[in-house]
C-alpha atoms as a PDB file:
ATOM      1  CA  UNK A   1      22.214 365.553 139.710  1.00  0.00           C
ATOM      2  CA  UNK A   2      19.089 366.725 141.509  1.00  0.00           C
ATOM      3  CA  UNK A   3      18.123 368.602 138.356  1.00  0.00           C
ATOM      4  CA  UNK A   4      18.568 365.465 136.208  1.00  0.00           C
ATOM      5  CA  UNK A   5      16.414 363.339 138.578  1.00  0.00           C
ATOM      6  CA  UNK A   6      13.658 365.964 138.441  1.00  0.00           C
ATOM      7  CA  UNK A   7      13.870 366.081 134.640  1.00  0.00           C
ATOM      8  CA  UNK A   8      13.599 362.252 134.368  1.00  0.00           C
ATOM      9  CA  UNK A   9      10.550 362.221 136.658  1.00  0.00           C
ATOM     10  CA  UNK A  10       8.920 364.993 134.641  1.00  0.00           C
ATOM     11  CA  UNK A  11       9.432 363.130 131.349  1.00  0.00           C
ATOM     12  CA  UNK A  12       8.040 359.849 132.765  1.00  0.00           C
ATOM     13  CA  UNK A  13       4.958 361.473 134.260  1.00  0.00           C
ATOM     14  CA  UNK A  14       2.731 361.305 131.056  1.00  0.00           C
ATOM     15  CA  UNK A  15       3.466 357.585 130.663  1.00  0.00           C
ATOM     16  CA  UNK A  16       2.448 356.897 134.280  1.00  0.00           C
ATOM     17  CA  UNK A  17      -0.783 358.847 133.857  1.00  0.00           C
ATOM     18  CA  UNK A  18      -1.599 356.996 130.602  1.00  0.00           C
ATOM     19  CA  UNK A  19      -0.929 353.600 132.203  1.00  0.00           C
ATOM     20  CA  UNK A  20      -3.219 354.393 135.129  1.00  0.00           C
ATOM     21  CA  UNK A  21      -5.915 355.601 132.729  1.00  0.00           C
ATOM     22  CA  UNK A  22      -5.725 352.368 130.728  1.00  0.00           C
ATOM     23  CA  UNK A  23      -6.017 350.257 133.869  1.00  0.00           C
ATOM     24  CA  UNK A  24      -9.309 351.871 134.974  1.00  0.00           C
ATOM     25  CA  UNK A  25     -12.074 349.217 134.615  1.00  0.00           C
ATOM     26  CA  UNK A  26     -14.950 349.832 132.154  1.00  0.00           C
ATOM     27  CA  UNK A  27     -18.247 351.077 133.486  1.00  0.00           C
ATOM     28  CA  UNK A  28     -20.508 348.192 134.601  1.00  0.00           C
ATOM     29  CA  UNK A  29     -23.713 349.877 133.355  1.00  0.00           C
ATOM     30  CA  UNK A  30     -24.159 347.623 130.258  1.00  0.00           C
ATOM     31  CA  UNK A  31     -23.538 344.476 132.302  1.00  0.00           C
ATOM     32  CA  UNK A  32     -26.116 345.476 134.881  1.00  0.00           C
ATOM     33  CA  UNK A  33     -28.737 346.140 132.158  1.00  0.00           C
ATOM     34  CA  UNK A  34     -28.048 342.775 130.507  1.00  0.00           C
ATOM     35  CA  UNK A  35     -28.229 340.919 133.795  1.00  0.00           C
ATOM     36  CA  UNK A  36     -31.738 342.205 134.467  1.00  0.00           C
ATOM     37  CA  UNK A  37     -32.982 341.724 130.886  1.00  0.00           C
ATOM     38  CA  UNK A  38     -34.784 338.728 129.378  1.00  0.00           C
ATOM     39  CA  UNK A  39     -32.602 336.156 127.638  1.00  0.00           C
ATOM     40  CA  UNK A  40     -33.849 333.724 125.011  1.00  0.00           C
ATOM     41  CA  UNK A  41     -32.213 330.305 124.821  1.00  0.00           C
ATOM     42  CA  UNK A  42     -32.760 327.069 122.898  1.00  0.00           C
ATOM     43  CA  UNK A  43     -30.761 323.968 123.831  1.00  0.00           C
ATOM     44  CA  UNK A  44     -31.088 322.537 120.306  1.00  0.00           C
ATOM     45  CA  UNK A  45     -31.447 325.432 117.831  1.00  0.00           C
ATOM     46  CA  UNK A  46     -30.455 323.291 114.820  1.00  0.00           C
ATOM     47  CA  UNK A  47     -32.457 320.237 113.764  1.00  0.00           C
ATOM     48  CA  UNK A  48     -31.901 317.947 110.771  1.00  0.00           C
ATOM     49  CA  UNK A  49     -34.774 315.775 109.512  1.00  0.00           C
ATOM     50  CA  UNK A  50     -32.355 314.026 107.119  1.00  0.00           C
ATOM     51  CA  UNK A  51     -34.338 312.217 104.352  1.00  0.00           C
ATOM     52  CA  UNK A  52     -38.114 312.752 104.247  1.00  0.00           C
ATOM     53  CA  UNK A  53     -40.686 311.678 101.660  1.00  0.00           C
ATOM     54  CA  UNK A  54     -42.235 314.365  99.502  1.00  0.00           C
ATOM     55  CA  UNK A  55     -45.919 315.101  99.864  1.00  0.00           C
ATOM     56  CA  UNK A  56     -46.875 315.953 103.429  1.00  0.00           C
ATOM     57  CA  UNK A  57     -45.824 318.615 105.906  1.00  0.00           C
ATOM     58  CA  UNK A  58     -43.065 317.935 108.415  1.00  0.00           C
ATOM     59  CA  UNK A  59     -43.229 319.579 111.844  1.00  0.00           C
ATOM     60  CA  UNK A  60     -40.634 320.298 114.504  1.00  0.00           C
ATOM     61  CA  UNK A  61     -41.072 321.906 117.920  1.00  0.00           C
ATOM     62  CA  UNK A  62     -38.288 324.185 119.169  1.00  0.00           C
ATOM     63  CA  UNK A  63     -38.319 324.467 122.972  1.00  0.00           C
ATOM     64  CA  UNK A  64     -37.082 327.839 124.212  1.00  0.00           C
ATOM     65  CA  UNK A  65     -36.281 329.042 127.733  1.00  0.00           C
ATOM     66  CA  UNK A  66     -36.139 332.516 129.235  1.00  0.00           C
ATOM     67  CA  UNK A  67     -32.835 332.583 131.125  1.00  0.00           C
ATOM     68  CA  UNK A  68     -33.171 336.276 131.974  1.00  0.00           C
ATOM     69  CA  UNK A  69     -34.582 338.086 134.989  1.00  0.00           C
ATOM     70  CA  UNK A  70     -37.555 339.768 133.331  1.00  0.00           C
ATOM     71  CA  UNK A  71     -40.396 338.669 131.058  1.00  0.00           C
ATOM     72  CA  UNK A  72     -39.431 337.625 127.528  1.00  0.00           C
ATOM     73  CA  UNK A  73     -41.904 339.036 125.008  1.00  0.00           C
ATOM     74  CA  UNK A  74     -41.968 337.454 121.525  1.00  0.00           C
ATOM     75  CA  UNK A  75     -43.229 339.985 118.983  1.00  0.00           C
ATOM     76  CA  UNK A  76     -42.758 338.029 115.754  1.00  0.00           C
ATOM     77  CA  UNK A  77     -41.674 334.699 114.267  1.00  0.00           C
ATOM     78  CA  UNK A  78     -40.579 334.651 110.612  1.00  0.00           C
ATOM     79  CA  UNK A  79     -39.137 332.014 108.291  1.00  0.00           C
ATOM     80  CA  UNK A  80     -37.546 331.621 104.889  1.00  0.00           C
ATOM     81  CA  UNK A  81     -39.571 330.447 101.865  1.00  0.00           C
ATOM     82  CA  UNK A  82     -41.407 327.138 102.064  1.00  0.00           C
ATOM     83  CA  UNK A  83     -41.575 327.097 105.828  1.00  0.00           C
ATOM     84  CA  UNK A  84     -44.035 328.499 108.359  1.00  0.00           C
ATOM     85  CA  UNK A  85     -43.546 328.979 112.089  1.00  0.00           C
ATOM     86  CA  UNK A  86     -45.532 330.335 115.004  1.00  0.00           C
ATOM     87  CA  UNK A  87     -45.536 330.528 118.792  1.00  0.00           C
ATOM     88  CA  UNK A  88     -47.254 327.332 119.897  1.00  0.00           C
ATOM     89  CA  UNK A  89     -48.428 328.291 123.400  1.00  0.00           C
ATOM     90  CA  UNK A  90     -47.502 331.752 124.750  1.00  0.00           C
ATOM     91  CA  UNK A  91     -45.783 334.924 123.574  1.00  0.00           C
ATOM     92  CA  UNK A  92     -44.818 336.135 127.053  1.00  0.00           C
ATOM     93  CA  UNK A  93     -42.471 333.902 129.006  1.00  0.00           C
ATOM     94  CA  UNK A  94     -41.630 334.652 132.647  1.00  0.00           C
ATOM     95  CA  UNK A  95     -38.047 334.311 133.961  1.00  0.00           C
ATOM     96  CA  UNK A  96     -37.202 330.624 134.038  1.00  0.00           C
ATOM     97  CA  UNK A  97     -40.294 329.826 131.958  1.00  0.00           C
ATOM     98  CA  UNK A  98     -40.496 327.809 128.798  1.00  0.00           C
ATOM     99  CA  UNK A  99     -42.161 328.241 125.408  1.00  0.00           C
ATOM    100  CA  UNK A 100     -42.529 326.364 122.135  1.00  0.00           C
ATOM    101  CA  UNK A 101     -42.007 327.507 118.537  1.00  0.00           C
ATOM    102  CA  UNK A 102     -43.738 325.242 116.005  1.00  0.00           C
ATOM    103  CA  UNK A 103     -42.049 325.111 112.600  1.00  0.00           C
ATOM    104  CA  UNK A 104     -43.700 323.460 109.571  1.00  0.00           C
ATOM    105  CA  UNK A 105     -42.024 322.719 106.242  1.00  0.00           C
ATOM    106  CA  UNK A 106     -44.157 322.045 103.174  1.00  0.00           C
ATOM    107  CA  UNK A 107     -42.448 319.299 101.176  1.00  0.00           C
ATOM    108  CA  UNK A 108     -44.802 319.078  98.186  1.00  0.00           C
ATOM    109  CA  UNK A 109     -43.102 320.302  95.025  1.00  0.00           C
ATOM    110  CA  UNK A 110     -39.783 320.911  96.844  1.00  0.00           C
ATOM    111  CA  UNK A 111     -37.481 317.938  96.210  1.00  0.00           C
ATOM    112  CA  UNK A 112     -33.841 318.049  97.253  1.00  0.00           C
ATOM    113  CA  UNK A 113     -31.911 319.462 100.181  1.00  0.00           C
ATOM    114  CA  UNK A 114     -33.159 322.575 101.955  1.00  0.00           C
ATOM    115  CA  UNK A 115     -32.074 324.706 104.903  1.00  0.00           C
ATOM    116  CA  UNK A 116     -34.681 326.940 106.527  1.00  0.00           C
ATOM    117  CA  UNK A 117     -34.043 329.680 109.080  1.00  0.00           C
ATOM    118  CA  UNK A 118     -36.580 330.546 111.780  1.00  0.00           C
ATOM    119  CA  UNK A 119     -36.106 334.018 113.276  1.00  0.00           C
ATOM    120  CA  UNK A 120     -37.678 334.848 116.646  1.00  0.00           C
ATOM    121  CA  UNK A 121     -37.974 338.580 117.310  1.00  0.00           C
ATOM    122  CA  UNK A 122     -38.191 339.471 120.991  1.00  0.00           C
ATOM    123  CA  UNK A 123     -37.220 342.054 123.614  1.00  0.00           C
ATOM    124  CA  UNK A 124     -33.976 340.230 124.391  1.00  0.00           C
ATOM    125  CA  UNK A 125     -31.442 343.088 124.023  1.00  0.00           C
ATOM    126  CA  UNK A 126     -28.550 340.717 123.292  1.00  0.00           C
ATOM    127  CA  UNK A 127     -30.387 338.517 120.737  1.00  0.00           C
ATOM    128  CA  UNK A 128     -33.354 340.540 119.453  1.00  0.00           C
ATOM    129  CA  UNK A 129     -33.493 338.354 116.311  1.00  0.00           C
ATOM    130  CA  UNK A 130     -32.702 334.868 117.618  1.00  0.00           C
ATOM    131  CA  UNK A 131     -32.256 332.294 114.837  1.00  0.00           C
ATOM    132  CA  UNK A 132     -32.888 328.555 114.676  1.00  0.00           C
ATOM    133  CA  UNK A 133     -32.390 326.229 111.728  1.00  0.00           C
ATOM    134  CA  UNK A 134     -34.088 323.282 110.039  1.00  0.00           C
ATOM    135  CA  UNK A 135     -32.357 320.981 107.534  1.00  0.00           C
ATOM    136  CA  UNK A 136     -33.948 318.283 105.426  1.00  0.00           C
ATOM    137  CA  UNK A 137     -33.610 316.390 102.160  1.00  0.00           C
ATOM    138  CA  UNK A 138     -36.957 315.800 100.462  1.00  0.00           C
ATOM    139  CA  UNK A 139     -36.980 312.565  98.473  1.00  0.00           C
ATOM    140  CA  UNK A 140     -39.519 311.901  95.745  1.00  0.00           C
ATOM    141  CA  UNK A 141     -40.822 308.437  94.961  1.00  0.00           C
ATOM    142  CA  UNK A 142     -39.825 309.280  91.407  1.00  0.00           C
ATOM    143  CA  UNK A 143     -37.748 312.317  90.491  1.00  0.00           C
ATOM    144  CA  UNK A 144     -38.411 313.802  87.045  1.00  0.00           C
ATOM    145  CA  UNK A 145     -36.021 316.383  85.610  1.00  0.00           C
ATOM    146  CA  UNK A 146     -37.494 318.463  84.132  1.00  0.00           C
ATOM    147  CA  UNK A 147     -41.009 317.693  85.301  1.00  0.00           C
ATOM    148  CA  UNK A 148     -42.405 319.793  82.404  1.00  0.00           C
ATOM    149  CA  UNK A 149     -41.063 320.176  78.878  1.00  0.00           C
ATOM    150  CA  UNK A 150     -41.127 323.585  77.207  1.00  0.00           C
ATOM    151  CA  UNK A 151     -40.377 323.931  73.489  1.00  0.00           C
ATOM    152  CA  UNK A 152     -40.874 327.581  72.595  1.00  0.00           C
ATOM    153  CA  UNK A 153     -39.624 329.687  69.678  1.00  0.00           C
ATOM    154  CA  UNK A 154     -39.119 326.625  67.505  1.00  0.00           C
ATOM    155  CA  UNK A 155     -38.603 327.722  63.915  1.00  0.00           C
ATOM    156  CA  UNK A 156     -41.148 326.299  61.497  1.00  0.00           C
ATOM    157  CA  UNK A 157     -39.666 323.459  59.462  1.00  0.00           C
ATOM    158  CA  UNK A 158     -37.094 322.531  62.093  1.00  0.00           C
ATOM    159  CA  UNK A 159     -37.284 319.587  64.485  1.00  0.00           C
ATOM    160  CA  UNK A 160     -36.623 320.042  68.201  1.00  0.00           C
ATOM    161  CA  UNK A 161     -35.711 317.516  70.898  1.00  0.00           C
ATOM    162  CA  UNK A 162     -35.492 317.503  74.683  1.00  0.00           C
ATOM    163  CA  UNK A 163     -34.379 314.956  77.286  1.00  0.00           C
ATOM    164  CA  UNK A 164     -36.179 313.879  80.459  1.00  0.00           C
ATOM    165  CA  UNK A 165     -34.319 312.080  83.257  1.00  0.00           C
ATOM    166  CA  UNK A 166     -36.431 309.869  85.520  1.00  0.00           C
ATOM    167  CA  UNK A 167     -34.869 308.436  88.707  1.00  0.00           C
ATOM    168  CA  UNK A 168     -36.331 306.355  91.533  1.00  0.00           C
ATOM    169  CA  UNK A 169     -35.609 306.238  95.252  1.00  0.00           C
ATOM    170  CA  UNK A 170     -32.183 305.100  96.453  1.00  0.00           C
ATOM    171  CA  UNK A 171     -31.756 301.301  96.580  1.00  0.00           C
ATOM    172  CA  UNK A 172     -35.173 300.719  94.988  1.00  0.00           C
ATOM    173  CA  UNK A 173     -35.271 299.283  91.463  1.00  0.00           C
ATOM    174  CA  UNK A 174     -37.250 301.416  89.015  1.00  0.00           C
ATOM    175  CA  UNK A 175     -38.082 300.326  85.471  1.00  0.00           C
ATOM    176  CA  UNK A 176     -39.761 302.483  82.835  1.00  0.00           C
ATOM    177  CA  UNK A 177     -42.138 300.103  81.090  1.00  0.00           C
ATOM    178  CA  UNK A 178     -43.462 302.427  78.388  1.00  0.00           C
ATOM    179  CA  UNK A 179     -43.789 306.080  77.393  1.00  0.00           C
ATOM    180  CA  UNK A 180     -46.084 307.658  74.828  1.00  0.00           C
ATOM    181  CA  UNK A 181     -47.734 310.989  74.090  1.00  0.00           C
ATOM    182  CA  UNK A 182     -51.472 311.483  74.484  1.00  0.00           C
ATOM    183  CA  UNK A 183     -52.268 313.208  71.169  1.00  0.00           C
ATOM    184  CA  UNK A 184     -49.090 312.373  69.192  1.00  0.00           C
ATOM    185  CA  UNK A 185     -47.972 315.992  68.830  1.00  0.00           C
ATOM    186  CA  UNK A 186     -44.536 314.913  70.072  1.00  0.00           C
ATOM    187  CA  UNK A 187     -42.760 311.592  69.785  1.00  0.00           C
ATOM    188  CA  UNK A 188     -41.318 309.834  72.853  1.00  0.00           C
ATOM    189  CA  UNK A 189     -38.650 307.156  73.114  1.00  0.00           C
ATOM    190  CA  UNK A 190     -36.705 305.510  75.934  1.00  0.00           C
ATOM    191  CA  UNK A 191     -33.089 306.102  74.956  1.00  0.00           C
ATOM    192  CA  UNK A 192     -31.297 304.543  77.959  1.00  0.00           C
ATOM    193  CA  UNK A 193     -31.644 302.838  81.315  1.00  0.00           C
ATOM    194  CA  UNK A 194     -29.715 304.752  83.972  1.00  0.00           C
ATOM    195  CA  UNK A 195     -28.027 303.958  87.267  1.00  0.00           C
ATOM    196  CA  UNK A 196     -26.461 306.556  89.592  1.00  0.00           C
ATOM    197  CA  UNK A 197     -23.741 304.791  91.511  1.00  0.00           C
ATOM    198  CA  UNK A 198     -23.239 307.607  94.043  1.00  0.00           C
ATOM    199  CA  UNK A 199     -26.905 307.633  95.141  1.00  0.00           C
ATOM    200  CA  UNK A 200     -27.702 304.034  94.138  1.00  0.00           C
ATOM    201  CA  UNK A 201     -30.735 305.110  92.105  1.00  0.00           C
ATOM    202  CA  UNK A 202     -32.230 303.443  89.044  1.00  0.00           C
ATOM    203  CA  UNK A 203     -34.069 305.167  86.227  1.00  0.00           C
ATOM    204  CA  UNK A 204     -34.111 306.023  82.551  1.00  0.00           C
ATOM    205  CA  UNK A 205     -33.708 308.847  80.055  1.00  0.00           C
ATOM    206  CA  UNK A 206     -36.499 309.726  77.645  1.00  0.00           C
ATOM    207  CA  UNK A 207     -36.187 311.746  74.480  1.00  0.00           C
ATOM    208  CA  UNK A 208     -39.045 313.995  73.401  1.00  0.00           C
ATOM    209  CA  UNK A 209     -39.069 314.953  69.709  1.00  0.00           C
ATOM    210  CA  UNK A 210     -41.139 317.662  68.043  1.00  0.00           C
ATOM    211  CA  UNK A 211     -41.302 316.954  64.286  1.00  0.00           C
ATOM    212  CA  UNK A 212     -40.356 319.541  61.680  1.00  0.00           C
ATOM    213  CA  UNK A 213     -43.876 319.185  60.237  1.00  0.00           C
ATOM    214  CA  UNK A 214     -45.536 320.740  63.291  1.00  0.00           C
ATOM    215  CA  UNK A 215     -47.671 323.679  62.182  1.00  0.00           C
ATOM    216  CA  UNK A 216     -47.100 327.271  63.292  1.00  0.00           C
ATOM    217  CA  UNK A 217     -48.713 328.190  66.579  1.00  0.00           C
ATOM    218  CA  UNK A 218     -48.956 327.028  70.178  1.00  0.00           C
ATOM    219  CA  UNK A 219     -49.241 323.345  71.032  1.00  0.00           C
ATOM    220  CA  UNK A 220     -49.535 321.119  74.095  1.00  0.00           C
ATOM    221  CA  UNK A 221     -49.280 317.424  74.797  1.00  0.00           C
ATOM    222  CA  UNK A 222     -48.999 315.006  77.735  1.00  0.00           C
ATOM    223  CA  UNK A 223     -46.565 312.115  78.033  1.00  0.00           C
ATOM    224  CA  UNK A 224     -47.906 309.034  79.816  1.00  0.00           C
ATOM    225  CA  UNK A 225     -45.146 306.984  81.470  1.00  0.00           C
ATOM    226  CA  UNK A 226     -45.767 303.495  82.872  1.00  0.00           C
ATOM    227  CA  UNK A 227     -43.404 302.437  85.697  1.00  0.00           C
ATOM    228  CA  UNK A 228     -42.682 299.364  87.807  1.00  0.00           C
ATOM    229  CA  UNK A 229     -43.541 301.206  91.072  1.00  0.00           C
ATOM    230  CA  UNK A 230     -46.762 299.994  92.695  1.00  0.00           C
ATOM    231  CA  UNK A 231     -47.398 303.352  94.387  1.00  0.00           C
ATOM    232  CA  UNK A 232     -46.499 305.332  91.228  1.00  0.00           C
ATOM    233  CA  UNK A 233     -47.510 303.113  88.295  1.00  0.00           C
ATOM    234  CA  UNK A 234     -48.186 306.050  85.956  1.00  0.00           C
ATOM    235  CA  UNK A 235     -46.623 309.476  85.486  1.00  0.00           C
ATOM    236  CA  UNK A 236     -47.936 312.463  83.514  1.00  0.00           C
ATOM    237  CA  UNK A 237     -45.411 314.876  82.026  1.00  0.00           C
ATOM    238  CA  UNK A 238     -46.842 317.990  80.350  1.00  0.00           C
ATOM    239  CA  UNK A 239     -45.358 319.372  77.144  1.00  0.00           C
ATOM    240  CA  UNK A 240     -46.015 322.911  75.882  1.00  0.00           C
ATOM    241  CA  UNK A 241     -44.471 325.117  73.251  1.00  0.00           C
ATOM    242  CA  UNK A 242     -44.845 327.219  70.152  1.00  0.00           C
ATOM    243  CA  UNK A 243     -43.671 326.949  66.568  1.00  0.00           C
ATOM    244  CA  UNK A 244     -42.945 330.341  64.998  1.00  0.00           C
ATOM    245  CA  UNK A 245     -42.876 331.383  61.362  1.00  0.00           C
ATOM    246  CA  UNK A 246     -41.131 334.246  59.595  1.00  0.00           C
ATOM    247  CA  UNK A 247     -42.790 336.730  61.917  1.00  0.00           C
ATOM    248  CA  UNK A 248     -44.124 336.690  65.463  1.00  0.00           C
ATOM    249  CA  UNK A 249     -46.732 338.888  67.079  1.00  0.00           C
ATOM    250  CA  UNK A 250     -47.478 339.558  70.718  1.00  0.00           C
ATOM    251  CA  UNK A 251     -49.781 339.404  72.515  1.00  0.00           C
ATOM    252  CA  UNK A 252     -52.090 336.959  70.765  1.00  0.00           C
ATOM    253  CA  UNK A 253     -55.096 338.202  72.733  1.00  0.00           C
ATOM    254  CA  UNK A 254     -56.166 341.395  74.497  1.00  0.00           C
ATOM    255  CA  UNK A 255     -58.866 342.208  77.030  1.00  0.00           C
ATOM    256  CA  UNK A 256     -60.467 345.497  78.026  1.00  0.00           C
ATOM    257  CA  UNK A 257     -61.850 346.308  81.441  1.00  0.00           C
ATOM    258  CA  UNK A 258     -64.860 348.471  82.089  1.00  0.00           C
ATOM    259  CA  UNK A 259     -64.435 352.171  81.316  1.00  0.00           C
ATOM    260  CA  UNK A 260     -61.178 351.531  79.482  1.00  0.00           C
ATOM    261  CA  UNK A 261     -60.749 353.926  76.563  1.00  0.00           C
ATOM    262  CA  UNK A 262     -57.058 353.669  75.666  1.00  0.00           C
ATOM    263  CA  UNK A 263     -56.066 351.280  72.876  1.00  0.00           C
ATOM    264  CA  UNK A 264     -53.961 348.146  73.378  1.00  0.00           C
ATOM    265  CA  UNK A 265     -50.966 347.461  71.153  1.00  0.00           C
ATOM    266  CA  UNK A 266     -50.022 344.240  69.354  1.00  0.00           C
ATOM    267  CA  UNK A 267     -46.464 344.299  67.975  1.00  0.00           C
ATOM    268  CA  UNK A 268     -45.320 342.396  64.880  1.00  0.00           C
ATOM    269  CA  UNK A 269     -41.663 341.344  64.616  1.00  0.00           C
ATOM    270  CA  UNK A 270     -40.611 339.815  61.263  1.00  0.00           C
ATOM    271  CA  UNK A 271     -37.327 338.065  60.570  1.00  0.00           C
ATOM    272  CA  UNK A 272     -36.967 340.068  57.363  1.00  0.00           C
ATOM    273  CA  UNK A 273     -38.601 343.473  57.994  1.00  0.00           C
ATOM    274  CA  UNK A 274     -37.653 344.715  54.524  1.00  0.00           C
ATOM    275  CA  UNK A 275     -39.899 342.176  52.818  1.00  0.00           C
ATOM    276  CA  UNK A 276     -42.761 341.979  55.315  1.00  0.00           C
ATOM    277  CA  UNK A 277     -46.040 343.862  54.876  1.00  0.00           C
ATOM    278  CA  UNK A 278     -49.358 343.992  56.696  1.00  0.00           C
ATOM    279  CA  UNK A 279     -51.976 344.437  54.003  1.00  0.00           C
ATOM    280  CA  UNK A 280     -55.154 344.794  56.010  1.00  0.00           C
ATOM    281  CA  UNK A 281     -56.613 344.681  59.535  1.00  0.00           C
ATOM    282  CA  UNK A 282     -60.316 344.214  60.225  1.00  0.00           C
ATOM    283  CA  UNK A 283     -62.717 343.347  63.023  1.00  0.00           C
ATOM    284  CA  UNK A 284     -64.620 340.124  62.298  1.00  0.00           C
ATOM    285  CA  UNK A 285     -67.520 340.935  64.652  1.00  0.00           C
ATOM    286  CA  UNK A 286     -67.368 344.724  64.307  1.00  0.00           C
ATOM    287  CA  UNK A 287     -67.020 345.317  68.040  1.00  0.00           C
ATOM    288  CA  UNK A 288     -63.444 346.520  68.547  1.00  0.00           C
ATOM    289  CA  UNK A 289     -61.791 348.977  66.170  1.00  0.00           C
ATOM    290  CA  UNK A 290     -58.309 348.048  64.814  1.00  0.00           C
ATOM    291  CA  UNK A 291     -55.807 350.467  63.391  1.00  0.00           C
ATOM    292  CA  UNK A 292     -52.488 349.661  61.705  1.00  0.00           C
ATOM    293  CA  UNK A 293     -49.416 351.766  62.401  1.00  0.00           C
ATOM    294  CA  UNK A 294     -46.298 351.556  60.255  1.00  0.00           C
ATOM    295  CA  UNK A 295     -42.901 352.843  61.313  1.00  0.00           C
ATOM    296  CA  UNK A 296     -40.227 353.504  58.715  1.00  0.00           C
ATOM    297  CA  UNK A 297     -36.686 353.087  60.055  1.00  0.00           C
ATOM    298  CA  UNK A 298     -34.972 353.891  56.769  1.00  0.00           C
ATOM    299  CA  UNK A 299     -33.301 351.621  54.252  1.00  0.00           C
ATOM    300  CA  UNK A 300     -36.652 350.099  53.349  1.00  0.00           C
ATOM    301  CA  UNK A 301     -37.112 348.636  56.837  1.00  0.00           C
ATOM    302  CA  UNK A 302     -40.651 348.961  58.229  1.00  0.00           C
ATOM    303  CA  UNK A 303     -42.100 347.835  61.553  1.00  0.00           C
ATOM    304  CA  UNK A 304     -45.784 347.307  62.232  1.00  0.00           C
ATOM    305  CA  UNK A 305     -48.105 347.641  65.192  1.00  0.00           C
ATOM    306  CA  UNK A 306     -51.832 347.049  65.424  1.00  0.00           C
ATOM    307  CA  UNK A 307     -53.709 349.324  67.808  1.00  0.00           C
ATOM    308  CA  UNK A 308     -57.017 347.932  69.055  1.00  0.00           C
ATOM    309  CA  UNK A 309     -59.604 350.363  70.440  1.00  0.00           C
ATOM    310  CA  UNK A 310     -62.520 349.181  72.598  1.00  0.00           C
ATOM    311  CA  UNK A 311     -66.084 350.092  71.594  1.00  0.00           C
ATOM    312  CA  UNK A 312     -67.723 353.000  73.367  1.00  0.00           C
ATOM    313  CA  UNK A 313     -70.726 350.830  74.149  1.00  0.00           C
ATOM    314  CA  UNK A 314     -71.120 347.059  74.121  1.00  0.00           C
ATOM    315  CA  UNK A 315     -74.489 345.958  72.704  1.00  0.00           C
ATOM    316  CA  UNK A 316     -76.761 344.223  75.204  1.00  0.00           C
ATOM    317  CA  UNK A 317     -76.895 341.045  73.104  1.00  0.00           C
ATOM    318  CA  UNK A 318     -73.065 340.843  72.742  1.00  0.00           C
ATOM    319  CA  UNK A 319     -70.809 338.567  74.786  1.00  0.00           C
ATOM    320  CA  UNK A 320     -67.974 341.095  74.408  1.00  0.00           C
ATOM    321  CA  UNK A 321     -65.890 338.809  72.207  1.00  0.00           C
ATOM    322  CA  UNK A 322     -64.293 339.847  68.947  1.00  0.00           C
ATOM    323  CA  UNK A 323     -61.456 338.803  66.651  1.00  0.00           C
ATOM    324  CA  UNK A 324     -59.099 341.042  64.733  1.00  0.00           C
ATOM    325  CA  UNK A 325     -57.889 339.493  61.496  1.00  0.00           C
ATOM    326  CA  UNK A 326     -54.503 340.672  60.223  1.00  0.00           C
ATOM    327  CA  UNK A 327     -53.710 339.918  56.577  1.00  0.00           C
ATOM    328  CA  UNK A 328     -50.014 339.808  55.612  1.00  0.00           C
ATOM    329  CA  UNK A 329     -47.881 339.026  52.561  1.00  0.00           C
ATOM    330  CA  UNK A 330     -46.304 336.027  54.319  1.00  0.00           C
ATOM    331  CA  UNK A 331     -46.883 332.716  52.507  1.00  0.00           C
ATOM    332  CA  UNK A 332     -47.065 330.635  55.689  1.00  0.00           C
ATOM    333  CA  UNK A 333     -49.094 333.106  57.760  1.00  0.00           C
ATOM    334  CA  UNK A 334     -51.235 334.928  55.271  1.00  0.00           C
ATOM    335  CA  UNK A 335     -53.778 335.740  57.981  1.00  0.00           C
ATOM    336  CA  UNK A 336     -53.565 335.662  61.783  1.00  0.00           C
ATOM    337  CA  UNK A 337     -56.190 336.528  64.369  1.00  0.00           C
ATOM    338  CA  UNK A 338     -56.028 338.433  67.636  1.00  0.00           C
ATOM    339  CA  UNK A 339     -58.697 337.501  70.174  1.00  0.00           C
ATOM    340  CA  UNK A 340     -60.428 340.417  71.897  1.00  0.00           C
ATOM    341  CA  UNK A 341     -62.542 340.404  75.067  1.00  0.00           C
ATOM    342  CA  UNK A 342     -64.414 343.513  76.152  1.00  0.00           C
ATOM    343  CA  UNK A 343     -65.949 343.721  79.623  1.00  0.00           C
ATOM    344  CA  UNK A 344     -69.624 344.681  79.628  1.00  0.00           C
END
């Protein structure tokens, strides 16, 4: 029996040692360090401006406190895009002292809801990158979607249309009185009067139409919209685009800096490479030197590039401008020009 009691005690001994080991309290070193360290605190780290009008800057002051037992040193204040922030008064805050972080949000050109994070970097070991937050919804007097119309890569002979949605402020009646283009490149019509029930906003939808008769090349126009708003009686909406033919080339212009000897390349991409040919390239002002390169990919398919070399010396009486004329077999684009600018 004595032997059995001894054996039971021997087997239980590791468990007793393990239990005592687990019950030993953790070292208080980290707690002591934290207790003597600076500690940043903000009673209201999140602020919501709710709805604000677009145009000006909105500003909020975050009041911070050093709840630690040593000096809080702020080394940096950073923000997300569209917002700026800085220490308003002091970067070193004594224990129990207070400081101010000034945050500014730039509303112009930023309609809609936004959340911005302000990060304060300091010597607080617990929160070295302390974060605060701003929320706001920027409301335009008149919201235009899209506020610019782009009509690129439109095939010659084909019409193209785009829609513009114009909405006013919530609970404020907006009427579109008229809409017309400045130089009649595009046509404009008011296709509907709109009302958003969820936001209680009034507005209208416009249709912009580029005719199939528009010539090949880049174009631009401006749509003038008359509204019923006294503070926004007229709106300007820019339109830009390009009509392309059976081949495109890029870039349309090149420029050379001083001491630049290497040529610049203009690439030609036809819809039907098998039946496209560049017949001649020439400098109209005899300043730059063009050279045509033809690549044969087999099966009768050829691709073209035009290399443009700068002159070794620009004459004293020259403005550095030249034009490279490229003659092709295309009926619609029998000749195209590449503008050249050479720095003197």
